[in-house]
Amino acid sequence: MSVGKLTRYGLPYSNVVPAGTATNNVTPGRTLENLQLKLGGTALTKAMISLFRMKANGKTVIEGTGTQIDKINAYRGTGTTNAKFLDIYFTDYSLNNELDRQVGAFDTSAGIINLTTEVTTLGATAPQITPILIESASQKSRQGEMLPFATLIAKTLRYPYNIGTGGKLPVTVPFGLTNGAIIKRLHVFQNAGTMTGATVKQDSLVIHESLKDENEFMQVRHGRVPQAGVYTIDFVVDGDIKKALDTRDARSLEWLFDFSAADSGDILVEYLDPLGNL
């Protein structure tokens, strides 16, 4: 019997405690579309997850707090979030068609020896975490050859920033100067919510510039849901993966963020990237 998609429970988490880091292993061999964490116990909310991290062969591919990951999911506009579930998406269901959506789905049959997750909680009471895996077949042709996009993983990596006063903040985020990386979206999470605009340059050419209201209006037009305290620069806002920012031939990449006052927070970048690059 051939099954197009599997939904099954993952291996249980160990060390699930009110304040600490729970860990589990994910068995490789299929394409991981979504890892869903079901949160239970007396008290465990997404806000109590101070860090979620997934590592493949010891290399971080996903990193963020429960709130940050939830806001990125909510921004995509593919459905309401649920307080009991935190989704770690590799397939992007907000894009236009099945091909676009599957670019970045994590084919764990392609050289993945071990795949682990870490959930760090703070302030929970008798927490319970149930992993639910949504998987599909490995990304191969009928001849058994890997599909062209099979090595690309939908990574989400996090970089902190701090600006001591209002003004323009130049930010450098890795883009793989040797091999390049593809960037779908960049999210600037602000503790004070003072970011007002952004400019992005590749090799000195402006490829994005906006003010907050302009940026969010364009996103709403395409069914996205801008999140409070987050400035999202979305290169695939219309759902076409071919319009993602491909930096593989870039010599420089500049991010210039405008703030009306002091602020700090994290920048989360959604990459499409081979495991060994970033």
C-alpha atoms as a PDB file:
ATOM      1  CA  MET A   1       0.000   0.000   0.000  1.00  0.00           C
ATOM      2  CA  SER A   2       1.333   3.431  -0.945  1.00  0.00           C
ATOM      3  CA  VAL A   3       0.737   6.283   1.513  1.00  0.00           C
ATOM      4  CA  GLY A   4       1.330   9.842   0.292  1.00  0.00           C
ATOM      5  CA  LYS A   5       1.561  11.409   3.732  1.00  0.00           C
ATOM      6  CA  LEU A   6       2.187   9.999   7.200  1.00  0.00           C
ATOM      7  CA  THR A   7       0.998  11.498  10.475  1.00  0.00           C
ATOM      8  CA  ARG A   8       2.498   9.752  13.489  1.00  0.00           C
ATOM      9  CA  TYR A   9       3.782  10.356  16.979  1.00  0.00           C
ATOM     10  CA  GLY A  10       7.495  10.973  17.333  1.00  0.00           C
ATOM     11  CA  LEU A  11       9.811   9.561  19.946  1.00  0.00           C
ATOM     12  CA  PRO A  12       8.957  10.852  23.428  1.00  0.00           C
ATOM     13  CA  TYR A  13      10.777  13.791  24.980  1.00  0.00           C
ATOM     14  CA  SER A  14      13.091  13.208  27.906  1.00  0.00           C
ATOM     15  CA  ASN A  15      13.690  15.632  30.791  1.00  0.00           C
ATOM     16  CA  VAL A  16      10.366  17.443  30.433  1.00  0.00           C
ATOM     17  CA  VAL A  17      10.575  19.678  33.511  1.00  0.00           C
ATOM     18  CA  PRO A  18       9.093  23.049  34.593  1.00  0.00           C
ATOM     19  CA  ALA A  19      12.408  24.831  33.939  1.00  0.00           C
ATOM     20  CA  GLY A  20      14.952  23.059  31.769  1.00  0.00           C
ATOM     21  CA  THR A  21      15.597  21.574  28.346  1.00  0.00           C
ATOM     22  CA  ALA A  22      13.667  18.590  27.032  1.00  0.00           C
ATOM     23  CA  THR A  23      15.178  16.628  24.141  1.00  0.00           C
ATOM     24  CA  ASN A  24      14.108  14.028  21.622  1.00  0.00           C
ATOM     25  CA  ASN A  25      15.350  12.343  18.462  1.00  0.00           C
ATOM     26  CA  VAL A  26      13.581  12.266  15.107  1.00  0.00           C
ATOM     27  CA  THR A  27      14.132   9.132  13.048  1.00  0.00           C
ATOM     28  CA  PRO A  28      15.479  10.164   9.607  1.00  0.00           C
ATOM     29  CA  GLY A  29      14.518   8.587   6.292  1.00  0.00           C
ATOM     30  CA  ARG A  30      11.501  10.521   5.017  1.00  0.00           C
ATOM     31  CA  THR A  31      10.686  14.106   4.079  1.00  0.00           C
ATOM     32  CA  LEU A  32       9.707  16.045   7.182  1.00  0.00           C
ATOM     33  CA  GLU A  33       6.998  18.567   6.303  1.00  0.00           C
ATOM     34  CA  ASN A  34       5.957  19.617   9.791  1.00  0.00           C
ATOM     35  CA  LEU A  35       6.867  18.853  13.375  1.00  0.00           C
ATOM     36  CA  GLN A  36       3.931  19.702  15.603  1.00  0.00           C
ATOM     37  CA  LEU A  37       4.375  20.029  19.356  1.00  0.00           C
ATOM     38  CA  LYS A  38       1.251  19.360  21.400  1.00  0.00           C
ATOM     39  CA  LEU A  39       1.558  21.250  24.688  1.00  0.00           C
ATOM     40  CA  GLY A  40      -0.093  19.777  27.759  1.00  0.00           C
ATOM     41  CA  GLY A  41       0.176  19.395  31.509  1.00  0.00           C
ATOM     42  CA  THR A  42      -1.015  21.738  34.217  1.00  0.00           C
ATOM     43  CA  ALA A  43       0.522  24.834  32.610  1.00  0.00           C
ATOM     44  CA  LEU A  44       2.629  24.987  29.443  1.00  0.00           C
ATOM     45  CA  THR A  45       2.169  27.767  26.920  1.00  0.00           C
ATOM     46  CA  LYS A  46       4.179  28.858  23.900  1.00  0.00           C
ATOM     47  CA  ALA A  47       5.330  31.908  25.848  1.00  0.00           C
ATOM     48  CA  MET A  48       6.948  29.521  28.341  1.00  0.00           C
ATOM     49  CA  ILE A  49       9.137  28.031  25.585  1.00  0.00           C
ATOM     50  CA  SER A  50      12.206  30.239  25.843  1.00  0.00           C
ATOM     51  CA  LEU A  51      13.984  28.335  23.065  1.00  0.00           C
ATOM     52  CA  PHE A  52      13.182  25.705  20.471  1.00  0.00           C
ATOM     53  CA  ARG A  53      16.118  24.348  18.535  1.00  0.00           C
ATOM     54  CA  MET A  54      16.417  21.597  15.923  1.00  0.00           C
ATOM     55  CA  LYS A  55      19.799  20.196  14.942  1.00  0.00           C
ATOM     56  CA  ALA A  56      20.669  18.008  11.959  1.00  0.00           C
ATOM     57  CA  ASN A  57      24.020  16.214  12.209  1.00  0.00           C
ATOM     58  CA  GLY A  58      24.779  18.604  15.080  1.00  0.00           C
ATOM     59  CA  LYS A  59      24.081  21.750  13.000  1.00  0.00           C
ATOM     60  CA  THR A  60      21.253  24.110  13.993  1.00  0.00           C
ATOM     61  CA  VAL A  61      18.546  24.445  11.324  1.00  0.00           C
ATOM     62  CA  ILE A  62      15.694  25.950  13.394  1.00  0.00           C
ATOM     63  CA  GLU A  63      15.988  28.325  16.338  1.00  0.00           C
ATOM     64  CA  GLY A  64      13.521  30.628  18.062  1.00  0.00           C
ATOM     65  CA  THR A  65      11.301  31.105  21.074  1.00  0.00           C
ATOM     66  CA  GLY A  66       7.826  29.641  21.119  1.00  0.00           C
ATOM     67  CA  THR A  67       6.332  33.111  20.654  1.00  0.00           C
ATOM     68  CA  GLN A  68       8.634  33.960  17.739  1.00  0.00           C
ATOM     69  CA  ILE A  69       7.903  30.740  15.872  1.00  0.00           C
ATOM     70  CA  ASP A  70       4.172  31.157  16.503  1.00  0.00           C
ATOM     71  CA  LYS A  71       4.199  34.725  15.142  1.00  0.00           C
ATOM     72  CA  ILE A  72       6.015  33.626  11.986  1.00  0.00           C
ATOM     73  CA  ASN A  73       3.357  30.941  11.486  1.00  0.00           C
ATOM     74  CA  ALA A  74       0.551  33.445  12.107  1.00  0.00           C
ATOM     75  CA  TYR A  75       2.079  35.909   9.623  1.00  0.00           C
ATOM     76  CA  ARG A  76       1.764  33.405   6.799  1.00  0.00           C
ATOM     77  CA  GLY A  77      -2.021  33.586   7.104  1.00  0.00           C
ATOM     78  CA  THR A  78      -2.718  29.916   6.421  1.00  0.00           C
ATOM     79  CA  GLY A  79      -4.991  29.458   9.422  1.00  0.00           C
ATOM     80  CA  THR A  80      -5.455  30.428  13.029  1.00  0.00           C
ATOM     81  CA  THR A  81      -2.885  29.323  15.545  1.00  0.00           C
ATOM     82  CA  ASN A  82      -3.970  27.171  18.467  1.00  0.00           C
ATOM     83  CA  ALA A  83      -2.719  27.622  22.019  1.00  0.00           C
ATOM     84  CA  LYS A  84      -2.189  23.857  22.401  1.00  0.00           C
ATOM     85  CA  PHE A  85      -0.054  23.365  19.294  1.00  0.00           C
ATOM     86  CA  LEU A  86       3.241  24.800  18.058  1.00  0.00           C
ATOM     87  CA  ASP A  87       4.071  23.987  14.438  1.00  0.00           C
ATOM     88  CA  ILE A  88       7.633  23.775  13.141  1.00  0.00           C
ATOM     89  CA  TYR A  89       7.073  24.048   9.400  1.00  0.00           C
ATOM     90  CA  PHE A  90       9.426  23.006   6.630  1.00  0.00           C
ATOM     91  CA  THR A  91       6.711  22.852   3.973  1.00  0.00           C
ATOM     92  CA  ASP A  92       5.291  26.340   3.437  1.00  0.00           C
ATOM     93  CA  TYR A  93       1.548  25.919   2.947  1.00  0.00           C
ATOM     94  CA  SER A  94       1.141  29.674   2.292  1.00  0.00           C
ATOM     95  CA  LEU A  95       2.771  29.458  -1.153  1.00  0.00           C
ATOM     96  CA  ASN A  96       0.987  29.082  -4.474  1.00  0.00           C
ATOM     97  CA  ASN A  97       1.229  25.443  -5.519  1.00  0.00           C
ATOM     98  CA  GLU A  98       2.571  22.093  -4.429  1.00  0.00           C
ATOM     99  CA  LEU A  99       5.986  22.644  -6.009  1.00  0.00           C
ATOM    100  CA  ASP A 100       6.429  26.026  -4.303  1.00  0.00           C
ATOM    101  CA  ARG A 101       5.240  24.620  -0.978  1.00  0.00           C
ATOM    102  CA  GLN A 102       7.571  21.616  -1.035  1.00  0.00           C
ATOM    103  CA  VAL A 103      10.776  23.583  -1.679  1.00  0.00           C
ATOM    104  CA  GLY A 104      12.467  23.478   1.713  1.00  0.00           C
ATOM    105  CA  ALA A 105      10.638  20.426   2.999  1.00  0.00           C
ATOM    106  CA  PHE A 106      13.325  18.550   4.926  1.00  0.00           C
ATOM    107  CA  ASP A 107      14.328  15.355   3.111  1.00  0.00           C
ATOM    108  CA  THR A 108      16.008  13.538   5.978  1.00  0.00           C
ATOM    109  CA  SER A 109      17.051  10.666   3.698  1.00  0.00           C
ATOM    110  CA  ALA A 110      19.714  12.918   2.124  1.00  0.00           C
ATOM    111  CA  GLY A 111      22.733  12.345   4.350  1.00  0.00           C
ATOM    112  CA  ILE A 112      21.042  12.995   7.711  1.00  0.00           C
ATOM    113  CA  ILE A 113      22.525  10.728  10.368  1.00  0.00           C
ATOM    114  CA  ASN A 114      20.902  12.250  13.432  1.00  0.00           C
ATOM    115  CA  LEU A 115      18.128  14.759  13.956  1.00  0.00           C
ATOM    116  CA  THR A 116      17.418  16.146  17.420  1.00  0.00           C
ATOM    117  CA  THR A 117      15.158  18.778  18.951  1.00  0.00           C
ATOM    118  CA  GLU A 118      15.474  20.777  22.157  1.00  0.00           C
ATOM    119  CA  VAL A 119      12.620  22.531  23.953  1.00  0.00           C
ATOM    120  CA  THR A 120      13.696  24.833  26.774  1.00  0.00           C
ATOM    121  CA  THR A 121      10.863  25.790  29.127  1.00  0.00           C
ATOM    122  CA  LEU A 122      10.643  28.337  31.902  1.00  0.00           C
ATOM    123  CA  GLY A 123       7.784  28.754  34.369  1.00  0.00           C
ATOM    124  CA  ALA A 124       5.785  25.676  33.337  1.00  0.00           C
ATOM    125  CA  THR A 125       3.894  23.428  35.747  1.00  0.00           C
ATOM    126  CA  ALA A 126       3.960  19.642  35.230  1.00  0.00           C
ATOM    127  CA  PRO A 127       4.502  20.145  31.469  1.00  0.00           C
ATOM    128  CA  GLN A 128       3.846  17.538  28.801  1.00  0.00           C
ATOM    129  CA  ILE A 129       5.154  17.703  25.201  1.00  0.00           C
ATOM    130  CA  THR A 130       3.889  15.329  22.519  1.00  0.00           C
ATOM    131  CA  PRO A 131       5.720  15.400  19.143  1.00  0.00           C
ATOM    132  CA  ILE A 132       3.602  14.767  16.050  1.00  0.00           C
ATOM    133  CA  LEU A 133       5.388  14.222  12.723  1.00  0.00           C
ATOM    134  CA  ILE A 134       3.847  14.972   9.325  1.00  0.00           C
ATOM    135  CA  GLU A 135       6.009  13.270   6.707  1.00  0.00           C
ATOM    136  CA  SER A 136       5.999  12.338   3.029  1.00  0.00           C
ATOM    137  CA  ALA A 137       8.226  10.264   0.762  1.00  0.00           C
ATOM    138  CA  SER A 138      11.831  11.203   0.044  1.00  0.00           C
ATOM    139  CA  GLN A 139      12.250  13.727  -2.776  1.00  0.00           C
ATOM    140  CA  LYS A 140      13.374  11.475  -5.600  1.00  0.00           C
ATOM    141  CA  SER A 141      12.387  11.001  -9.226  1.00  0.00           C
ATOM    142  CA  ARG A 142      10.950   7.743 -10.522  1.00  0.00           C
ATOM    143  CA  GLN A 143      14.493   6.829 -11.518  1.00  0.00           C
ATOM    144  CA  GLY A 144      15.622   7.211  -7.892  1.00  0.00           C
ATOM    145  CA  GLU A 145      17.570  10.433  -8.450  1.00  0.00           C
ATOM    146  CA  MET A 146      17.308  13.305  -5.969  1.00  0.00           C
ATOM    147  CA  LEU A 147      15.112  16.175  -7.215  1.00  0.00           C
ATOM    148  CA  PRO A 148      16.933  19.485  -7.856  1.00  0.00           C
ATOM    149  CA  PHE A 149      15.579  21.189  -4.722  1.00  0.00           C
ATOM    150  CA  ALA A 150      15.880  18.162  -2.422  1.00  0.00           C
ATOM    151  CA  THR A 151      19.050  19.408  -0.717  1.00  0.00           C
ATOM    152  CA  LEU A 152      17.464  22.746   0.257  1.00  0.00           C
ATOM    153  CA  ILE A 153      16.247  22.916   3.853  1.00  0.00           C
ATOM    154  CA  ALA A 154      13.840  25.553   5.172  1.00  0.00           C
ATOM    155  CA  LYS A 155      16.061  26.895   7.951  1.00  0.00           C
ATOM    156  CA  THR A 156      15.104  29.561  10.469  1.00  0.00           C
ATOM    157  CA  LEU A 157      18.156  31.103  12.127  1.00  0.00           C
ATOM    158  CA  ARG A 158      18.243  33.827  14.777  1.00  0.00           C
ATOM    159  CA  TYR A 159      20.550  36.823  15.279  1.00  0.00           C
ATOM    160  CA  PRO A 160      20.280  39.364  18.154  1.00  0.00           C
ATOM    161  CA  TYR A 161      20.588  43.137  17.706  1.00  0.00           C
ATOM    162  CA  ASN A 162      20.610  46.265  19.868  1.00  0.00           C
ATOM    163  CA  ILE A 163      20.296  49.934  18.882  1.00  0.00           C
ATOM    164  CA  GLY A 164      20.962  52.482  21.626  1.00  0.00           C
ATOM    165  CA  THR A 165      19.115  55.385  20.023  1.00  0.00           C
ATOM    166  CA  GLY A 166      16.805  56.108  17.110  1.00  0.00           C
ATOM    167  CA  GLY A 167      18.309  56.140  13.634  1.00  0.00           C
ATOM    168  CA  LYS A 168      19.485  53.758  10.927  1.00  0.00           C
ATOM    169  CA  LEU A 169      20.877  50.404  12.020  1.00  0.00           C
ATOM    170  CA  PRO A 170      23.068  48.532   9.515  1.00  0.00           C
ATOM    171  CA  VAL A 171      22.762  44.800  10.119  1.00  0.00           C
ATOM    172  CA  THR A 172      24.762  41.924   8.701  1.00  0.00           C
ATOM    173  CA  VAL A 173      23.192  38.494   8.534  1.00  0.00           C
ATOM    174  CA  PRO A 174      24.998  35.529   6.997  1.00  0.00           C
ATOM    175  CA  PHE A 175      24.161  34.791   3.379  1.00  0.00           C
ATOM    176  CA  GLY A 176      26.800  32.240   2.528  1.00  0.00           C
ATOM    177  CA  LEU A 177      29.445  34.307   0.744  1.00  0.00           C
ATOM    178  CA  THR A 178      31.069  31.197  -0.723  1.00  0.00           C
ATOM    179  CA  ASN A 179      28.045  29.158  -1.791  1.00  0.00           C
ATOM    180  CA  GLY A 180      25.235  31.652  -1.295  1.00  0.00           C
ATOM    181  CA  ALA A 181      21.850  31.094   0.280  1.00  0.00           C
ATOM    182  CA  ILE A 182      18.254  31.809  -0.677  1.00  0.00           C
ATOM    183  CA  ILE A 183      16.257  34.055   1.648  1.00  0.00           C
ATOM    184  CA  LYS A 184      12.457  33.840   1.761  1.00  0.00           C
ATOM    185  CA  ARG A 185      11.712  36.248   4.590  1.00  0.00           C
ATOM    186  CA  LEU A 186      13.457  38.234   7.286  1.00  0.00           C
ATOM    187  CA  HIS A 187      11.611  39.084  10.512  1.00  0.00           C
ATOM    188  CA  VAL A 188      12.802  41.837  12.865  1.00  0.00           C
ATOM    189  CA  PHE A 189      11.347  41.180  16.330  1.00  0.00           C
ATOM    190  CA  GLN A 190      11.400  44.381  18.415  1.00  0.00           C
ATOM    191  CA  ASN A 191      11.048  44.607  22.174  1.00  0.00           C
ATOM    192  CA  ALA A 192       9.886  48.241  21.990  1.00  0.00           C
ATOM    193  CA  GLY A 193       8.233  48.221  18.547  1.00  0.00           C
ATOM    194  CA  THR A 194      10.079  51.276  17.200  1.00  0.00           C
ATOM    195  CA  MET A 195      11.129  50.090  13.719  1.00  0.00           C
ATOM    196  CA  THR A 196       9.684  52.372  11.037  1.00  0.00           C
ATOM    197  CA  GLY A 197      11.280  51.350   7.735  1.00  0.00           C
ATOM    198  CA  ALA A 198      13.832  49.219   5.911  1.00  0.00           C
ATOM    199  CA  THR A 199      16.181  49.264   2.938  1.00  0.00           C
ATOM    200  CA  VAL A 200      17.925  46.211   1.471  1.00  0.00           C
ATOM    201  CA  LYS A 201      20.779  46.397  -1.036  1.00  0.00           C
ATOM    202  CA  GLN A 202      22.464  43.637  -2.992  1.00  0.00           C
ATOM    203  CA  ASP A 203      25.774  44.648  -4.564  1.00  0.00           C
ATOM    204  CA  SER A 204      24.774  48.304  -3.899  1.00  0.00           C
ATOM    205  CA  LEU A 205      21.481  47.920  -5.819  1.00  0.00           C
ATOM    206  CA  VAL A 206      18.335  48.652  -3.788  1.00  0.00           C
ATOM    207  CA  ILE A 207      16.142  45.555  -3.929  1.00  0.00           C
ATOM    208  CA  HIS A 208      13.686  46.511  -1.173  1.00  0.00           C
ATOM    209  CA  GLU A 209      12.710  49.749   0.516  1.00  0.00           C
ATOM    210  CA  SER A 210       9.594  50.466   2.514  1.00  0.00           C
ATOM    211  CA  LEU A 211       7.994  52.226   5.424  1.00  0.00           C
ATOM    212  CA  LYS A 212       6.029  50.187   7.940  1.00  0.00           C
ATOM    213  CA  ASP A 213       2.545  51.077   6.686  1.00  0.00           C
ATOM    214  CA  GLU A 214       3.501  50.512   3.014  1.00  0.00           C
ATOM    215  CA  ASN A 215       5.112  47.179   3.805  1.00  0.00           C
ATOM    216  CA  GLU A 216       2.178  45.885   5.812  1.00  0.00           C
ATOM    217  CA  PHE A 217      -0.406  47.067   3.272  1.00  0.00           C
ATOM    218  CA  MET A 218       1.322  45.023   0.558  1.00  0.00           C
ATOM    219  CA  GLN A 219       1.403  41.984   2.837  1.00  0.00           C
ATOM    220  CA  VAL A 220      -2.290  42.249   3.727  1.00  0.00           C
ATOM    221  CA  ARG A 221      -3.147  42.484   0.010  1.00  0.00           C
ATOM    222  CA  HIS A 222      -1.592  39.042  -0.422  1.00  0.00           C
ATOM    223  CA  GLY A 223      -3.332  37.454   2.545  1.00  0.00           C
ATOM    224  CA  ARG A 224      -0.494  37.747   5.035  1.00  0.00           C
ATOM    225  CA  VAL A 225      -1.096  38.838   8.630  1.00  0.00           C
ATOM    226  CA  PRO A 226       1.487  41.377   9.907  1.00  0.00           C
ATOM    227  CA  GLN A 227       2.334  40.766  13.548  1.00  0.00           C
ATOM    228  CA  ALA A 228       2.623  43.376  16.302  1.00  0.00           C
ATOM    229  CA  GLY A 229       6.237  44.169  17.117  1.00  0.00           C
ATOM    230  CA  VAL A 230       7.572  42.404  14.006  1.00  0.00           C
ATOM    231  CA  TYR A 231       8.774  44.037  10.772  1.00  0.00           C
ATOM    232  CA  THR A 232       8.750  41.357   8.075  1.00  0.00           C
ATOM    233  CA  ILE A 233      10.549  41.722   4.762  1.00  0.00           C
ATOM    234  CA  ASP A 234       8.912  39.105   2.547  1.00  0.00           C
ATOM    235  CA  PHE A 235      10.419  38.294  -0.834  1.00  0.00           C
ATOM    236  CA  VAL A 236       7.772  35.630  -1.542  1.00  0.00           C
ATOM    237  CA  VAL A 237       4.790  37.695  -0.403  1.00  0.00           C
ATOM    238  CA  ASP A 238       2.798  36.719  -3.518  1.00  0.00           C
ATOM    239  CA  GLY A 239       3.464  33.009  -2.939  1.00  0.00           C
ATOM    240  CA  ASP A 240       5.958  32.498  -5.795  1.00  0.00           C
ATOM    241  CA  ILE A 241       9.070  30.736  -4.514  1.00  0.00           C
ATOM    242  CA  LYS A 242      11.024  31.779  -7.621  1.00  0.00           C
ATOM    243  CA  LYS A 243      11.016  35.360  -6.297  1.00  0.00           C
ATOM    244  CA  ALA A 244      12.934  34.477  -3.125  1.00  0.00           C
ATOM    245  CA  LEU A 245      16.172  36.437  -2.724  1.00  0.00           C
ATOM    246  CA  ASP A 246      18.899  34.297  -4.290  1.00  0.00           C
ATOM    247  CA  THR A 247      22.253  35.498  -2.975  1.00  0.00           C
ATOM    248  CA  ARG A 248      24.349  32.799  -4.638  1.00  0.00           C
ATOM    249  CA  ASP A 249      25.868  35.341  -7.030  1.00  0.00           C
ATOM    250  CA  ALA A 250      25.946  38.245  -4.528  1.00  0.00           C
ATOM    251  CA  ARG A 251      29.159  39.925  -3.421  1.00  0.00           C
ATOM    252  CA  SER A 252      27.490  42.021  -0.707  1.00  0.00           C
ATOM    253  CA  LEU A 253      24.146  42.220   1.043  1.00  0.00           C
ATOM    254  CA  GLU A 254      23.177  45.242   3.163  1.00  0.00           C
ATOM    255  CA  TRP A 255      20.237  45.505   5.552  1.00  0.00           C
ATOM    256  CA  LEU A 256      19.458  49.021   6.819  1.00  0.00           C
ATOM    257  CA  PHE A 257      16.709  49.323   9.436  1.00  0.00           C
ATOM    258  CA  ASP A 258      15.192  52.621  10.613  1.00  0.00           C
ATOM    259  CA  PHE A 259      14.179  53.063  14.262  1.00  0.00           C
ATOM    260  CA  SER A 260      12.391  55.975  15.901  1.00  0.00           C
ATOM    261  CA  ALA A 261      13.969  55.209  19.306  1.00  0.00           C
ATOM    262  CA  ALA A 262      16.213  52.725  21.079  1.00  0.00           C
ATOM    263  CA  ASP A 263      15.263  49.084  20.653  1.00  0.00           C
ATOM    264  CA  SER A 264      16.569  45.547  20.804  1.00  0.00           C
ATOM    265  CA  GLY A 265      15.460  42.078  19.869  1.00  0.00           C
ATOM    266  CA  ASP A 266      16.118  39.248  17.449  1.00  0.00           C
ATOM    267  CA  ILE A 267      16.251  38.948  13.682  1.00  0.00           C
ATOM    268  CA  LEU A 268      14.914  35.633  12.407  1.00  0.00           C
ATOM    269  CA  VAL A 269      15.797  34.741   8.822  1.00  0.00           C
ATOM    270  CA  GLU A 270      13.952  32.123   6.793  1.00  0.00           C
ATOM    271  CA  TYR A 271      16.519  30.536   4.503  1.00  0.00           C
ATOM    272  CA  LEU A 272      16.431  27.853   1.833  1.00  0.00           C
ATOM    273  CA  ASP A 273      19.875  26.376   2.180  1.00  0.00           C
ATOM    274  CA  PRO A 274      21.868  23.129   2.057  1.00  0.00           C
ATOM    275  CA  LEU A 275      22.741  21.741   5.461  1.00  0.00           C
ATOM    276  CA  GLY A 276      26.475  22.413   5.211  1.00  0.00           C
ATOM    277  CA  ASN A 277      26.332  26.032   4.042  1.00  0.00           C
ATOM    278  CA  LEU A 278      25.040  28.213   6.893  1.00  0.00           C
END
